[in-house]
Amino acid sequence: MTARVSRSLRLTPDMRLRRSADFARIKLGGDRLVKGCLIANWLDMPTDGISRLGVITSRRIGGSVVRSRARRLLRECFRLNQRRLARPIDLVLIARRSIADMKYAEVESDFLRVLQRAGLLKPES
């Protein structure tokens, strides 16, 4: 039996950062915060825009299998928590070495702590 995914929770191609110019723009003009297994760089977008994600995994964290797993974990954290963002942002997540030994719950915890500390999450009601 296959689980059905809500269309609104999909990570569509237009929600991904792909151009190096976008990554450079966010690095130079955005904010940065480090927590646990990741580094987050973000830039606020117009209120009518959508949030977009880019993920960076360097060879220092491990081989291709480890890097691919790290990208999947970070994309999944963003996908499942995108509705909790207070406003549209362009977000670049950079995986650190410690992500190689972490489970999804630990990565998500670090992800949410970064967003909370940055003031990017909606207030909980």
PDB file of N, CA and C in Angstrom:
ATOM      1  N   MET A   1       0.841  -1.160   0.000  1.00  0.00           N
ATOM      2  CA  MET A   1       0.000   0.000   0.000  1.00  0.00           C
ATOM      3  C   MET A   1       0.897   1.237   0.000  1.00  0.00           C
ATOM      4  N   THR A   2       0.671   2.168  -0.891  1.00  0.00           N
ATOM      5  CA  THR A   2       1.481   3.361  -1.028  1.00  0.00           C
ATOM      6  C   THR A   2       0.833   4.520  -0.285  1.00  0.00           C
ATOM      7  N   ALA A   3       1.634   5.239   0.481  1.00  0.00           N
ATOM      8  CA  ALA A   3       1.119   6.403   1.201  1.00  0.00           C
ATOM      9  C   ALA A   3       0.922   7.550   0.210  1.00  0.00           C
ATOM     10  N   ARG A   4      -0.173   8.244   0.344  1.00  0.00           N
ATOM     11  CA  ARG A   4      -0.447   9.385  -0.530  1.00  0.00           C
ATOM     12  C   ARG A   4       0.130  10.647   0.089  1.00  0.00           C
ATOM     13  N   VAL A   5       0.782  11.441  -0.722  1.00  0.00           N
ATOM     14  CA  VAL A   5       1.386  12.687  -0.258  1.00  0.00           C
ATOM     15  C   VAL A   5       0.528  13.846  -0.721  1.00  0.00           C
ATOM     16  N   SER A   6       0.212  14.735   0.200  1.00  0.00           N
ATOM     17  CA  SER A   6      -0.546  15.920  -0.144  1.00  0.00           C
ATOM     18  C   SER A   6       0.239  16.744  -1.161  1.00  0.00           C
ATOM     19  N   ARG A   7      -0.447  17.250  -2.160  1.00  0.00           N
ATOM     20  CA  ARG A   7       0.228  18.054  -3.182  1.00  0.00           C
ATOM     21  C   ARG A   7       0.909  19.278  -2.577  1.00  0.00           C
ATOM     22  N   SER A   8       0.331  19.834  -1.529  1.00  0.00           N
ATOM     23  CA  SER A   8       0.904  21.036  -0.942  1.00  0.00           C
ATOM     24  C   SER A   8       2.208  20.755  -0.195  1.00  0.00           C
ATOM     25  N   LEU A   9       2.489  19.507   0.121  1.00  0.00           N
ATOM     26  CA  LEU A   9       3.730  19.172   0.809  1.00  0.00           C
ATOM     27  C   LEU A   9       4.830  18.702  -0.141  1.00  0.00           C
ATOM     28  N   ARG A  10       4.542  18.642  -1.399  1.00  0.00           N
ATOM     29  CA  ARG A  10       5.566  18.225  -2.353  1.00  0.00           C
ATOM     30  C   ARG A  10       6.660  19.265  -2.469  1.00  0.00           C
ATOM     31  N   LEU A  11       7.845  18.807  -2.776  1.00  0.00           N
ATOM     32  CA  LEU A  11       8.966  19.692  -3.042  1.00  0.00           C
ATOM     33  C   LEU A  11       9.124  19.748  -4.555  1.00  0.00           C
ATOM     34  N   THR A  12       8.404  20.666  -5.165  1.00  0.00           N
ATOM     35  CA  THR A  12       8.358  20.762  -6.623  1.00  0.00           C
ATOM     36  C   THR A  12       9.651  21.366  -7.172  1.00  0.00           C
ATOM     37  N   PRO A  13       9.918  21.178  -8.447  1.00  0.00           N
ATOM     38  CA  PRO A  13      11.149  21.719  -9.031  1.00  0.00           C
ATOM     39  C   PRO A  13      11.299  23.235  -8.870  1.00  0.00           C
ATOM     40  N   ASP A  14      10.197  23.984  -8.883  1.00  0.00           N
ATOM     41  CA  ASP A  14      10.306  25.435  -8.721  1.00  0.00           C
ATOM     42  C   ASP A  14      10.593  25.840  -7.269  1.00  0.00           C
ATOM     43  N   MET A  15      10.606  24.884  -6.363  1.00  0.00           N
ATOM     44  CA  MET A  15      10.920  25.151  -4.962  1.00  0.00           C
ATOM     45  C   MET A  15      12.379  24.828  -4.639  1.00  0.00           C
ATOM     46  N   ARG A  16      13.159  24.462  -5.645  1.00  0.00           N
ATOM     47  CA  ARG A  16      14.557  24.123  -5.428  1.00  0.00           C
ATOM     48  C   ARG A  16      15.455  25.199  -6.015  1.00  0.00           C
ATOM     49  N   LEU A  17      16.498  25.535  -5.295  1.00  0.00           N
ATOM     50  CA  LEU A  17      17.514  26.445  -5.790  1.00  0.00           C
ATOM     51  C   LEU A  17      18.514  25.622  -6.582  1.00  0.00           C
ATOM     52  N   ARG A  18      18.804  26.038  -7.787  1.00  0.00           N
ATOM     53  CA  ARG A  18      19.720  25.276  -8.635  1.00  0.00           C
ATOM     54  C   ARG A  18      20.861  26.120  -9.202  1.00  0.00           C
ATOM     55  N   ARG A  19      20.614  27.391  -9.439  1.00  0.00           N
ATOM     56  CA  ARG A  19      21.620  28.247 -10.076  1.00  0.00           C
ATOM     57  C   ARG A  19      22.667  28.703  -9.069  1.00  0.00           C
ATOM     58  N   SER A  20      23.924  28.683  -9.458  1.00  0.00           N
ATOM     59  CA  SER A  20      24.993  29.102  -8.560  1.00  0.00           C
ATOM     60  C   SER A  20      24.849  30.575  -8.193  1.00  0.00           C
ATOM     61  N   ALA A  21      24.256  31.374  -9.070  1.00  0.00           N
ATOM     62  CA  ALA A  21      24.037  32.791  -8.767  1.00  0.00           C
ATOM     63  C   ALA A  21      23.092  32.949  -7.580  1.00  0.00           C
ATOM     64  N   ASP A  22      22.086  32.079  -7.476  1.00  0.00           N
ATOM     65  CA  ASP A  22      21.163  32.137  -6.340  1.00  0.00           C
ATOM     66  C   ASP A  22      21.885  31.781  -5.036  1.00  0.00           C
ATOM     67  N   PHE A  23      22.719  30.750  -5.082  1.00  0.00           N
ATOM     68  CA  PHE A  23      23.477  30.358  -3.904  1.00  0.00           C
ATOM     69  C   PHE A  23      24.406  31.496  -3.464  1.00  0.00           C
ATOM     70  N   ALA A  24      25.073  32.126  -4.425  1.00  0.00           N
ATOM     71  CA  ALA A  24      25.991  33.226  -4.116  1.00  0.00           C
ATOM     72  C   ALA A  24      25.232  34.434  -3.556  1.00  0.00           C
ATOM     73  N   ARG A  25      24.067  34.744  -4.113  1.00  0.00           N
ATOM     74  CA  ARG A  25      23.249  35.870  -3.651  1.00  0.00           C
ATOM     75  C   ARG A  25      22.838  35.669  -2.195  1.00  0.00           C
ATOM     76  N   ILE A  26      22.452  34.461  -1.852  1.00  0.00           N
ATOM     77  CA  ILE A  26      22.024  34.165  -0.490  1.00  0.00           C
ATOM     78  C   ILE A  26      23.215  34.208   0.469  1.00  0.00           C
ATOM     79  N   LYS A  27      24.359  33.706   0.026  1.00  0.00           N
ATOM     80  CA  LYS A  27      25.542  33.707   0.883  1.00  0.00           C
ATOM     81  C   LYS A  27      26.006  35.132   1.170  1.00  0.00           C
ATOM     82  N   LEU A  28      25.987  35.989   0.154  1.00  0.00           N
ATOM     83  CA  LEU A  28      26.475  37.354   0.321  1.00  0.00           C
ATOM     84  C   LEU A  28      25.469  38.277   0.995  1.00  0.00           C
ATOM     85  N   GLY A  29      24.192  38.143   0.643  1.00  0.00           N
ATOM     86  CA  GLY A  29      23.202  39.094   1.122  1.00  0.00           C
ATOM     87  C   GLY A  29      22.288  38.597   2.206  1.00  0.00           C
ATOM     88  N   GLY A  30      22.411  37.336   2.567  1.00  0.00           N
ATOM     89  CA  GLY A  30      21.486  36.761   3.527  1.00  0.00           C
ATOM     90  C   GLY A  30      22.061  36.642   4.923  1.00  0.00           C
ATOM     91  N   ASP A  31      21.311  35.985   5.772  1.00  0.00           N
ATOM     92  CA  ASP A  31      21.723  35.725   7.147  1.00  0.00           C
ATOM     93  C   ASP A  31      22.219  34.290   7.264  1.00  0.00           C
ATOM     94  N   ARG A  32      22.971  34.024   8.355  1.00  0.00           N
ATOM     95  CA  ARG A  32      23.589  32.706   8.526  1.00  0.00           C
ATOM     96  C   ARG A  32      23.501  32.291   9.984  1.00  0.00           C
ATOM     97  N   LEU A  33      23.243  31.006  10.193  1.00  0.00           N
ATOM     98  CA  LEU A  33      23.177  30.467  11.545  1.00  0.00           C
ATOM     99  C   LEU A  33      23.672  29.025  11.514  1.00  0.00           C
ATOM    100  N   VAL A  34      24.454  28.640  12.523  1.00  0.00           N
ATOM    101  CA  VAL A  34      25.017  27.289  12.621  1.00  0.00           C
ATOM    102  C   VAL A  34      24.421  26.599  13.836  1.00  0.00           C
ATOM    103  N   LYS A  35      23.959  25.371  13.643  1.00  0.00           N
ATOM    104  CA  LYS A  35      23.424  24.601  14.752  1.00  0.00           C
ATOM    105  C   LYS A  35      23.592  23.121  14.450  1.00  0.00           C
ATOM    106  N   GLY A  36      24.297  22.420  15.303  1.00  0.00           N
ATOM    107  CA  GLY A  36      24.413  20.973  15.183  1.00  0.00           C
ATOM    108  C   GLY A  36      24.990  20.523  13.860  1.00  0.00           C
ATOM    109  N   CYS A  37      24.191  19.776  13.119  1.00  0.00           N
ATOM    110  CA  CYS A  37      24.667  19.124  11.899  1.00  0.00           C
ATOM    111  C   CYS A  37      24.497  19.976  10.646  1.00  0.00           C
ATOM    112  N   LEU A  38      24.067  21.224  10.786  1.00  0.00           N
ATOM    113  CA  LEU A  38      23.841  22.011   9.577  1.00  0.00           C
ATOM    114  C   LEU A  38      24.146  23.486   9.772  1.00  0.00           C
ATOM    115  N   ILE A  39      24.376  24.127   8.656  1.00  0.00           N
ATOM    116  CA  ILE A  39      24.531  25.580   8.576  1.00  0.00           C
ATOM    117  C   ILE A  39      23.408  26.064   7.685  1.00  0.00           C
ATOM    118  N   ALA A  40      22.704  27.093   8.132  1.00  0.00           N
ATOM    119  CA  ALA A  40      21.589  27.624   7.353  1.00  0.00           C
ATOM    120  C   ALA A  40      21.905  29.045   6.907  1.00  0.00           C
ATOM    121  N   ASN A  41      21.762  29.292   5.621  1.00  0.00           N
ATOM    122  CA  ASN A  41      21.834  30.631   5.047  1.00  0.00           C
ATOM    123  C   ASN A  41      20.467  30.913   4.451  1.00  0.00           C
ATOM    124  N   TRP A  42      19.925  32.102   4.702  1.00  0.00           N
ATOM    125  CA  TRP A  42      18.601  32.404   4.158  1.00  0.00           C
ATOM    126  C   TRP A  42      18.493  33.871   3.786  1.00  0.00           C
ATOM    127  N   LEU A  43      17.540  34.130   2.929  1.00  0.00           N
ATOM    128  CA  LEU A  43      17.252  35.477   2.457  1.00  0.00           C
ATOM    129  C   LEU A  43      15.742  35.594   2.348  1.00  0.00           C
ATOM    130  N   ASP A  44      15.176  36.629   2.943  1.00  0.00           N
ATOM    131  CA  ASP A  44      13.730  36.833   2.870  1.00  0.00           C
ATOM    132  C   ASP A  44      13.315  37.145   1.439  1.00  0.00           C
ATOM    133  N   MET A  45      12.139  36.652   1.074  1.00  0.00           N
ATOM    134  CA  MET A  45      11.586  36.842  -0.260  1.00  0.00           C
ATOM    135  C   MET A  45      10.322  37.701  -0.160  1.00  0.00           C
ATOM    136  N   PRO A  46       9.822  38.211  -1.290  1.00  0.00           N
ATOM    137  CA  PRO A  46       8.559  38.955  -1.258  1.00  0.00           C
ATOM    138  C   PRO A  46       7.441  38.076  -0.690  1.00  0.00           C
ATOM    139  N   THR A  47       6.472  38.700  -0.049  1.00  0.00           N
ATOM    140  CA  THR A  47       5.420  37.945   0.637  1.00  0.00           C
ATOM    141  C   THR A  47       4.563  37.118  -0.303  1.00  0.00           C
ATOM    142  N   ASP A  48       4.534  37.438  -1.574  1.00  0.00           N
ATOM    143  CA  ASP A  48       3.730  36.652  -2.515  1.00  0.00           C
ATOM    144  C   ASP A  48       4.534  35.524  -3.165  1.00  0.00           C
ATOM    145  N   GLY A  49       5.793  35.371  -2.795  1.00  0.00           N
ATOM    146  CA  GLY A  49       6.642  34.328  -3.367  1.00  0.00           C
ATOM    147  C   GLY A  49       6.492  33.007  -2.642  1.00  0.00           C
ATOM    148  N   ILE A  50       7.284  32.037  -3.069  1.00  0.00           N
ATOM    149  CA  ILE A  50       7.299  30.725  -2.410  1.00  0.00           C
ATOM    150  C   ILE A  50       8.672  30.511  -1.788  1.00  0.00           C
ATOM    151  N   SER A  51       8.728  29.675  -0.785  1.00  0.00           N
ATOM    152  CA  SER A  51      10.007  29.332  -0.171  1.00  0.00           C
ATOM    153  C   SER A  51      10.730  28.333  -1.062  1.00  0.00           C
ATOM    154  N   ARG A  52      12.041  28.531  -1.180  1.00  0.00           N
ATOM    155  CA  ARG A  52      12.848  27.635  -2.000  1.00  0.00           C
ATOM    156  C   ARG A  52      14.016  27.115  -1.179  1.00  0.00           C
ATOM    157  N   LEU A  53      14.497  25.932  -1.541  1.00  0.00           N
ATOM    158  CA  LEU A  53      15.552  25.256  -0.797  1.00  0.00           C
ATOM    159  C   LEU A  53      16.699  24.855  -1.704  1.00  0.00           C
ATOM    160  N   GLY A  54      17.897  25.015  -1.189  1.00  0.00           N
ATOM    161  CA  GLY A  54      19.098  24.502  -1.811  1.00  0.00           C
ATOM    162  C   GLY A  54      19.897  23.758  -0.762  1.00  0.00           C
ATOM    163  N   VAL A  55      20.537  22.666  -1.135  1.00  0.00           N
ATOM    164  CA  VAL A  55      21.301  21.857  -0.185  1.00  0.00           C
ATOM    165  C   VAL A  55      22.725  21.686  -0.724  1.00  0.00           C
ATOM    166  N   ILE A  56      23.690  21.854   0.177  1.00  0.00           N
ATOM    167  CA  ILE A  56      25.098  21.682  -0.173  1.00  0.00           C
ATOM    168  C   ILE A  56      25.684  20.583   0.712  1.00  0.00           C
ATOM    169  N   THR A  57      26.307  19.597   0.081  1.00  0.00           N
ATOM    170  CA  THR A  57      27.019  18.551   0.820  1.00  0.00           C
ATOM    171  C   THR A  57      28.409  18.414   0.198  1.00  0.00           C
ATOM    172  N   SER A  58      29.425  18.674   0.995  1.00  0.00           N
ATOM    173  CA  SER A  58      30.783  18.589   0.468  1.00  0.00           C
ATOM    174  C   SER A  58      31.333  17.184   0.651  1.00  0.00           C
ATOM    175  N   ARG A  59      32.417  16.898  -0.018  1.00  0.00           N
ATOM    176  CA  ARG A  59      33.038  15.572   0.080  1.00  0.00           C
ATOM    177  C   ARG A  59      33.623  15.302   1.448  1.00  0.00           C
ATOM    178  N   ARG A  60      33.787  16.352   2.236  1.00  0.00           N
ATOM    179  CA  ARG A  60      34.355  16.174   3.572  1.00  0.00           C
ATOM    180  C   ARG A  60      33.440  15.384   4.503  1.00  0.00           C
ATOM    181  N   ILE A  61      32.138  15.352   4.221  1.00  0.00           N
ATOM    182  CA  ILE A  61      31.253  14.628   5.130  1.00  0.00           C
ATOM    183  C   ILE A  61      31.229  13.130   4.849  1.00  0.00           C
ATOM    184  N   GLY A  62      31.709  12.716   3.691  1.00  0.00           N
ATOM    185  CA  GLY A  62      31.757  11.288   3.404  1.00  0.00           C
ATOM    186  C   GLY A  62      31.628  11.006   1.920  1.00  0.00           C
ATOM    187  N   GLY A  63      31.484   9.731   1.605  1.00  0.00           N
ATOM    188  CA  GLY A  63      31.353   9.295   0.223  1.00  0.00           C
ATOM    189  C   GLY A  63      29.998   9.658  -0.364  1.00  0.00           C
ATOM    190  N   SER A  64      29.762   9.221  -1.567  1.00  0.00           N
ATOM    191  CA  SER A  64      28.540   9.605  -2.278  1.00  0.00           C
ATOM    192  C   SER A  64      27.272   9.117  -1.582  1.00  0.00           C
ATOM    193  N   VAL A  65      27.334   7.957  -0.964  1.00  0.00           N
ATOM    194  CA  VAL A  65      26.165   7.423  -0.272  1.00  0.00           C
ATOM    195  C   VAL A  65      25.806   8.305   0.921  1.00  0.00           C
ATOM    196  N   VAL A  66      26.811   8.703   1.677  1.00  0.00           N
ATOM    197  CA  VAL A  66      26.593   9.561   2.850  1.00  0.00           C
ATOM    198  C   VAL A  66      26.083  10.935   2.412  1.00  0.00           C
ATOM    199  N   ARG A  67      26.669  11.492   1.367  1.00  0.00           N
ATOM    200  CA  ARG A  67      26.237  12.808   0.887  1.00  0.00           C
ATOM    201  C   ARG A  67      24.804  12.762   0.369  1.00  0.00           C
ATOM    202  N   SER A  68      24.450  11.726  -0.348  1.00  0.00           N
ATOM    203  CA  SER A  68      23.085  11.589  -0.857  1.00  0.00           C
ATOM    204  C   SER A  68      22.083  11.450   0.281  1.00  0.00           C
ATOM    205  N   ARG A  69      22.437  10.673   1.293  1.00  0.00           N
ATOM    206  CA  ARG A  69      21.551  10.520   2.451  1.00  0.00           C
ATOM    207  C   ARG A  69      21.368  11.850   3.171  1.00  0.00           C
ATOM    208  N   ALA A  70      22.451  12.608   3.315  1.00  0.00           N
ATOM    209  CA  ALA A  70      22.371  13.918   3.970  1.00  0.00           C
ATOM    210  C   ALA A  70      21.446  14.852   3.194  1.00  0.00           C
ATOM    211  N   ARG A  71      21.563  14.865   1.869  1.00  0.00           N
ATOM    212  CA  ARG A  71      20.671  15.702   1.045  1.00  0.00           C
ATOM    213  C   ARG A  71      19.225  15.283   1.221  1.00  0.00           C
ATOM    214  N   ARG A  72      18.963  13.976   1.213  1.00  0.00           N
ATOM    215  CA  ARG A  72      17.589  13.488   1.394  1.00  0.00           C
ATOM    216  C   ARG A  72      17.034  13.892   2.745  1.00  0.00           C
ATOM    217  N   LEU A  73      17.828  13.757   3.805  1.00  0.00           N
ATOM    218  CA  LEU A  73      17.374  14.127   5.141  1.00  0.00           C
ATOM    219  C   LEU A  73      17.026  15.615   5.221  1.00  0.00           C
ATOM    220  N   LEU A  74      17.895  16.458   4.688  1.00  0.00           N
ATOM    221  CA  LEU A  74      17.653  17.896   4.763  1.00  0.00           C
ATOM    222  C   LEU A  74      16.453  18.314   3.916  1.00  0.00           C
ATOM    223  N   ARG A  75      16.308  17.727   2.733  1.00  0.00           N
ATOM    224  CA  ARG A  75      15.137  18.045   1.903  1.00  0.00           C
ATOM    225  C   ARG A  75      13.848  17.601   2.580  1.00  0.00           C
ATOM    226  N   GLU A  76      13.881  16.452   3.230  1.00  0.00           N
ATOM    227  CA  GLU A  76      12.688  15.940   3.911  1.00  0.00           C
ATOM    228  C   GLU A  76      12.311  16.830   5.089  1.00  0.00           C
ATOM    229  N   CYS A  77      13.291  17.311   5.830  1.00  0.00           N
ATOM    230  CA  CYS A  77      13.011  18.240   6.936  1.00  0.00           C
ATOM    231  C   CYS A  77      12.302  19.485   6.410  1.00  0.00           C
ATOM    232  N   PHE A  78      12.812  20.023   5.325  1.00  0.00           N
ATOM    233  CA  PHE A  78      12.184  21.209   4.737  1.00  0.00           C
ATOM    234  C   PHE A  78      10.787  20.885   4.223  1.00  0.00           C
ATOM    235  N   ARG A  79      10.646  19.781   3.521  1.00  0.00           N
ATOM    236  CA  ARG A  79       9.359  19.420   2.917  1.00  0.00           C
ATOM    237  C   ARG A  79       8.270  19.277   3.969  1.00  0.00           C
ATOM    238  N   LEU A  80       8.565  18.578   5.052  1.00  0.00           N
ATOM    239  CA  LEU A  80       7.559  18.321   6.072  1.00  0.00           C
ATOM    240  C   LEU A  80       7.251  19.531   6.952  1.00  0.00           C
ATOM    241  N   ASN A  81       8.159  20.497   6.994  1.00  0.00           N
ATOM    242  CA  ASN A  81       7.968  21.651   7.872  1.00  0.00           C
ATOM    243  C   ASN A  81       7.772  22.962   7.118  1.00  0.00           C
ATOM    244  N   GLN A  82       7.573  22.905   5.813  1.00  0.00           N
ATOM    245  CA  GLN A  82       7.465  24.127   5.033  1.00  0.00           C
ATOM    246  C   GLN A  82       6.258  24.978   5.418  1.00  0.00           C
ATOM    247  N   ARG A  83       5.194  24.368   5.889  1.00  0.00           N
ATOM    248  CA  ARG A  83       4.013  25.130   6.291  1.00  0.00           C
ATOM    249  C   ARG A  83       4.235  25.909   7.577  1.00  0.00           C
ATOM    250  N   ARG A  84       5.255  25.542   8.327  1.00  0.00           N
ATOM    251  CA  ARG A  84       5.539  26.216   9.593  1.00  0.00           C
ATOM    252  C   ARG A  84       6.347  27.494   9.417  1.00  0.00           C
ATOM    253  N   LEU A  85       6.815  27.775   8.199  1.00  0.00           N
ATOM    254  CA  LEU A  85       7.595  28.986   7.954  1.00  0.00           C
ATOM    255  C   LEU A  85       6.698  30.204   8.050  1.00  0.00           C
ATOM    256  N   ALA A  86       7.190  31.245   8.712  1.00  0.00           N
ATOM    257  CA  ALA A  86       6.410  32.461   8.925  1.00  0.00           C
ATOM    258  C   ALA A  86       6.283  33.296   7.653  1.00  0.00           C
ATOM    259  N   ARG A  87       7.266  33.203   6.779  1.00  0.00           N
ATOM    260  CA  ARG A  87       7.266  34.002   5.543  1.00  0.00           C
ATOM    261  C   ARG A  87       8.091  33.268   4.497  1.00  0.00           C
ATOM    262  N   PRO A  88       7.929  33.618   3.232  1.00  0.00           N
ATOM    263  CA  PRO A  88       8.716  32.967   2.174  1.00  0.00           C
ATOM    264  C   PRO A  88      10.200  33.335   2.283  1.00  0.00           C
ATOM    265  N   ILE A  89      11.049  32.337   2.137  1.00  0.00           N
ATOM    266  CA  ILE A  89      12.497  32.546   2.184  1.00  0.00           C
ATOM    267  C   ILE A  89      13.171  31.682   1.129  1.00  0.00           C
ATOM    268  N   ASP A  90      14.367  32.102   0.752  1.00  0.00           N
ATOM    269  CA  ASP A  90      15.278  31.233   0.012  1.00  0.00           C
ATOM    270  C   ASP A  90      16.246  30.703   1.054  1.00  0.00           C
ATOM    271  N   LEU A  91      16.325  29.389   1.181  1.00  0.00           N
ATOM    272  CA  LEU A  91      17.091  28.752   2.242  1.00  0.00           C
ATOM    273  C   LEU A  91      18.138  27.823   1.639  1.00  0.00           C
ATOM    274  N   VAL A  92      19.368  27.984   2.077  1.00  0.00           N
ATOM    275  CA  VAL A  92      20.449  27.073   1.685  1.00  0.00           C
ATOM    276  C   VAL A  92      20.922  26.373   2.947  1.00  0.00           C
ATOM    277  N   LEU A  93      20.866  25.046   2.937  1.00  0.00           N
ATOM    278  CA  LEU A  93      21.325  24.237   4.056  1.00  0.00           C
ATOM    279  C   LEU A  93      22.630  23.561   3.670  1.00  0.00           C
ATOM    280  N   ILE A  94      23.613  23.696   4.532  1.00  0.00           N
ATOM    281  CA  ILE A  94      24.920  23.091   4.308  1.00  0.00           C
ATOM    282  C   ILE A  94      25.116  22.013   5.363  1.00  0.00           C
ATOM    283  N   ALA A  95      25.311  20.784   4.922  1.00  0.00           N
ATOM    284  CA  ALA A  95      25.492  19.660   5.843  1.00  0.00           C
ATOM    285  C   ALA A  95      26.892  19.693   6.435  1.00  0.00           C
ATOM    286  N   ARG A  96      26.978  19.378   7.722  1.00  0.00           N
ATOM    287  CA  ARG A  96      28.262  19.263   8.398  1.00  0.00           C
ATOM    288  C   ARG A  96      28.571  17.784   8.631  1.00  0.00           C
ATOM    289  N   ARG A  97      29.806  17.488   8.987  1.00  0.00           N
ATOM    290  CA  ARG A  97      30.245  16.091   9.134  1.00  0.00           C
ATOM    291  C   ARG A  97      29.392  15.277  10.082  1.00  0.00           C
ATOM    292  N   SER A  98      28.885  15.896  11.127  1.00  0.00           N
ATOM    293  CA  SER A  98      28.131  15.156  12.149  1.00  0.00           C
ATOM    294  C   SER A  98      26.827  14.564  11.613  1.00  0.00           C
ATOM    295  N   ILE A  99      26.352  15.017  10.466  1.00  0.00           N
ATOM    296  CA  ILE A  99      25.095  14.504   9.915  1.00  0.00           C
ATOM    297  C   ILE A  99      25.224  13.044   9.491  1.00  0.00           C
ATOM    298  N   ALA A 100      26.431  12.589   9.229  1.00  0.00           N
ATOM    299  CA  ALA A 100      26.641  11.226   8.733  1.00  0.00           C
ATOM    300  C   ALA A 100      26.145  10.158   9.708  1.00  0.00           C
ATOM    301  N   ASP A 101      26.199  10.450  10.999  1.00  0.00           N
ATOM    302  CA  ASP A 101      25.816   9.458  12.008  1.00  0.00           C
ATOM    303  C   ASP A 101      24.462   9.738  12.649  1.00  0.00           C
ATOM    304  N   MET A 102      23.722  10.675  12.109  1.00  0.00           N
ATOM    305  CA  MET A 102      22.474  11.088  12.743  1.00  0.00           C
ATOM    306  C   MET A 102      21.264  10.436  12.100  1.00  0.00           C
ATOM    307  N   LYS A 103      20.235  10.279  12.905  1.00  0.00           N
ATOM    308  CA  LYS A 103      18.946   9.785  12.432  1.00  0.00           C
ATOM    309  C   LYS A 103      18.081  10.979  12.054  1.00  0.00           C
ATOM    310  N   TYR A 104      16.975  10.712  11.339  1.00  0.00           N
ATOM    311  CA  TYR A 104      16.118  11.789  10.857  1.00  0.00           C
ATOM    312  C   TYR A 104      15.630  12.691  11.993  1.00  0.00           C
ATOM    313  N   ALA A 105      15.192  12.123  13.113  1.00  0.00           N
ATOM    314  CA  ALA A 105      14.647  12.917  14.213  1.00  0.00           C
ATOM    315  C   ALA A 105      15.676  13.918  14.749  1.00  0.00           C
ATOM    316  N   GLU A 106      16.937  13.512  14.790  1.00  0.00           N
ATOM    317  CA  GLU A 106      17.991  14.406  15.270  1.00  0.00           C
ATOM    318  C   GLU A 106      18.257  15.531  14.276  1.00  0.00           C
ATOM    319  N   VAL A 107      18.248  15.209  12.993  1.00  0.00           N
ATOM    320  CA  VAL A 107      18.452  16.222  11.957  1.00  0.00           C
ATOM    321  C   VAL A 107      17.283  17.208  11.972  1.00  0.00           C
ATOM    322  N   GLU A 108      16.067  16.694  12.088  1.00  0.00           N
ATOM    323  CA  GLU A 108      14.896  17.568  12.116  1.00  0.00           C
ATOM    324  C   GLU A 108      14.935  18.480  13.342  1.00  0.00           C
ATOM    325  N   SER A 109      15.382  17.962  14.469  1.00  0.00           N
ATOM    326  CA  SER A 109      15.499  18.766  15.677  1.00  0.00           C
ATOM    327  C   SER A 109      16.467  19.935  15.466  1.00  0.00           C
ATOM    328  N   ASP A 110      17.627  19.670  14.879  1.00  0.00           N
ATOM    329  CA  ASP A 110      18.586  20.733  14.576  1.00  0.00           C
ATOM    330  C   ASP A 110      17.993  21.728  13.586  1.00  0.00           C
ATOM    331  N   PHE A 111      17.295  21.231  12.570  1.00  0.00           N
ATOM    332  CA  PHE A 111      16.673  22.078  11.557  1.00  0.00           C
ATOM    333  C   PHE A 111      15.664  23.029  12.196  1.00  0.00           C
ATOM    334  N   LEU A 112      14.796  22.493  13.042  1.00  0.00           N
ATOM    335  CA  LEU A 112      13.771  23.325  13.676  1.00  0.00           C
ATOM    336  C   LEU A 112      14.376  24.313  14.671  1.00  0.00           C
ATOM    337  N   ARG A 113      15.436  23.919  15.363  1.00  0.00           N
ATOM    338  CA  ARG A 113      16.114  24.843  16.280  1.00  0.00           C
ATOM    339  C   ARG A 113      16.714  26.027  15.532  1.00  0.00           C
ATOM    340  N   VAL A 114      17.302  25.754  14.375  1.00  0.00           N
ATOM    341  CA  VAL A 114      17.867  26.837  13.567  1.00  0.00           C
ATOM    342  C   VAL A 114      16.761  27.792  13.136  1.00  0.00           C
ATOM    343  N   LEU A 115      15.670  27.243  12.621  1.00  0.00           N
ATOM    344  CA  LEU A 115      14.571  28.103  12.170  1.00  0.00           C
ATOM    345  C   LEU A 115      13.967  28.888  13.326  1.00  0.00           C
ATOM    346  N   GLN A 116      13.844  28.252  14.486  1.00  0.00           N
ATOM    347  CA  GLN A 116      13.286  28.922  15.663  1.00  0.00           C
ATOM    348  C   GLN A 116      14.194  30.069  16.095  1.00  0.00           C
ATOM    349  N   ARG A 117      15.479  29.795  16.199  1.00  0.00           N
ATOM    350  CA  ARG A 117      16.427  30.813  16.621  1.00  0.00           C
ATOM    351  C   ARG A 117      16.473  31.976  15.635  1.00  0.00           C
ATOM    352  N   ALA A 118      16.289  31.696  14.367  1.00  0.00           N
ATOM    353  CA  ALA A 118      16.320  32.733  13.337  1.00  0.00           C
ATOM    354  C   ALA A 118      15.008  33.513  13.258  1.00  0.00           C
ATOM    355  N   GLY A 119      13.984  33.040  13.952  1.00  0.00           N
ATOM    356  CA  GLY A 119      12.690  33.713  13.896  1.00  0.00           C
ATOM    357  C   GLY A 119      11.936  33.453  12.614  1.00  0.00           C
ATOM    358  N   LEU A 120      12.180  32.303  12.003  1.00  0.00           N
ATOM    359  CA  LEU A 120      11.560  31.988  10.723  1.00  0.00           C
ATOM    360  C   LEU A 120      10.299  31.121  10.864  1.00  0.00           C
ATOM    361  N   LEU A 121      10.001  30.649  12.069  1.00  0.00           N
ATOM    362  CA  LEU A 121       8.837  29.817  12.273  1.00  0.00           C
ATOM    363  C   LEU A 121       7.648  30.652  12.737  1.00  0.00           C
ATOM    364  N   LYS A 122       6.459  30.206  12.355  1.00  0.00           N
ATOM    365  CA  LYS A 122       5.230  30.843  12.845  1.00  0.00           C
ATOM    366  C   LYS A 122       5.138  30.622  14.338  1.00  0.00           C
ATOM    367  N   PRO A 123       4.559  31.577  15.072  1.00  0.00           N
ATOM    368  CA  PRO A 123       4.372  31.339  16.504  1.00  0.00           C
ATOM    369  C   PRO A 123       3.379  30.211  16.722  1.00  0.00           C
ATOM    370  N   GLU A 124       3.679  29.366  17.683  1.00  0.00           N
ATOM    371  CA  GLU A 124       2.791  28.226  17.956  1.00  0.00           C
ATOM    372  C   GLU A 124       1.571  28.699  18.733  1.00  0.00           C
ATOM    373  N   SER A 125       0.407  28.200  18.338  1.00  0.00           N
ATOM    374  CA  SER A 125      -0.819  28.633  19.004  1.00  0.00           C
ATOM    375  C   SER A 125      -1.328  27.589  19.959  1.00  0.00           C
TER     376      SER A 125
END
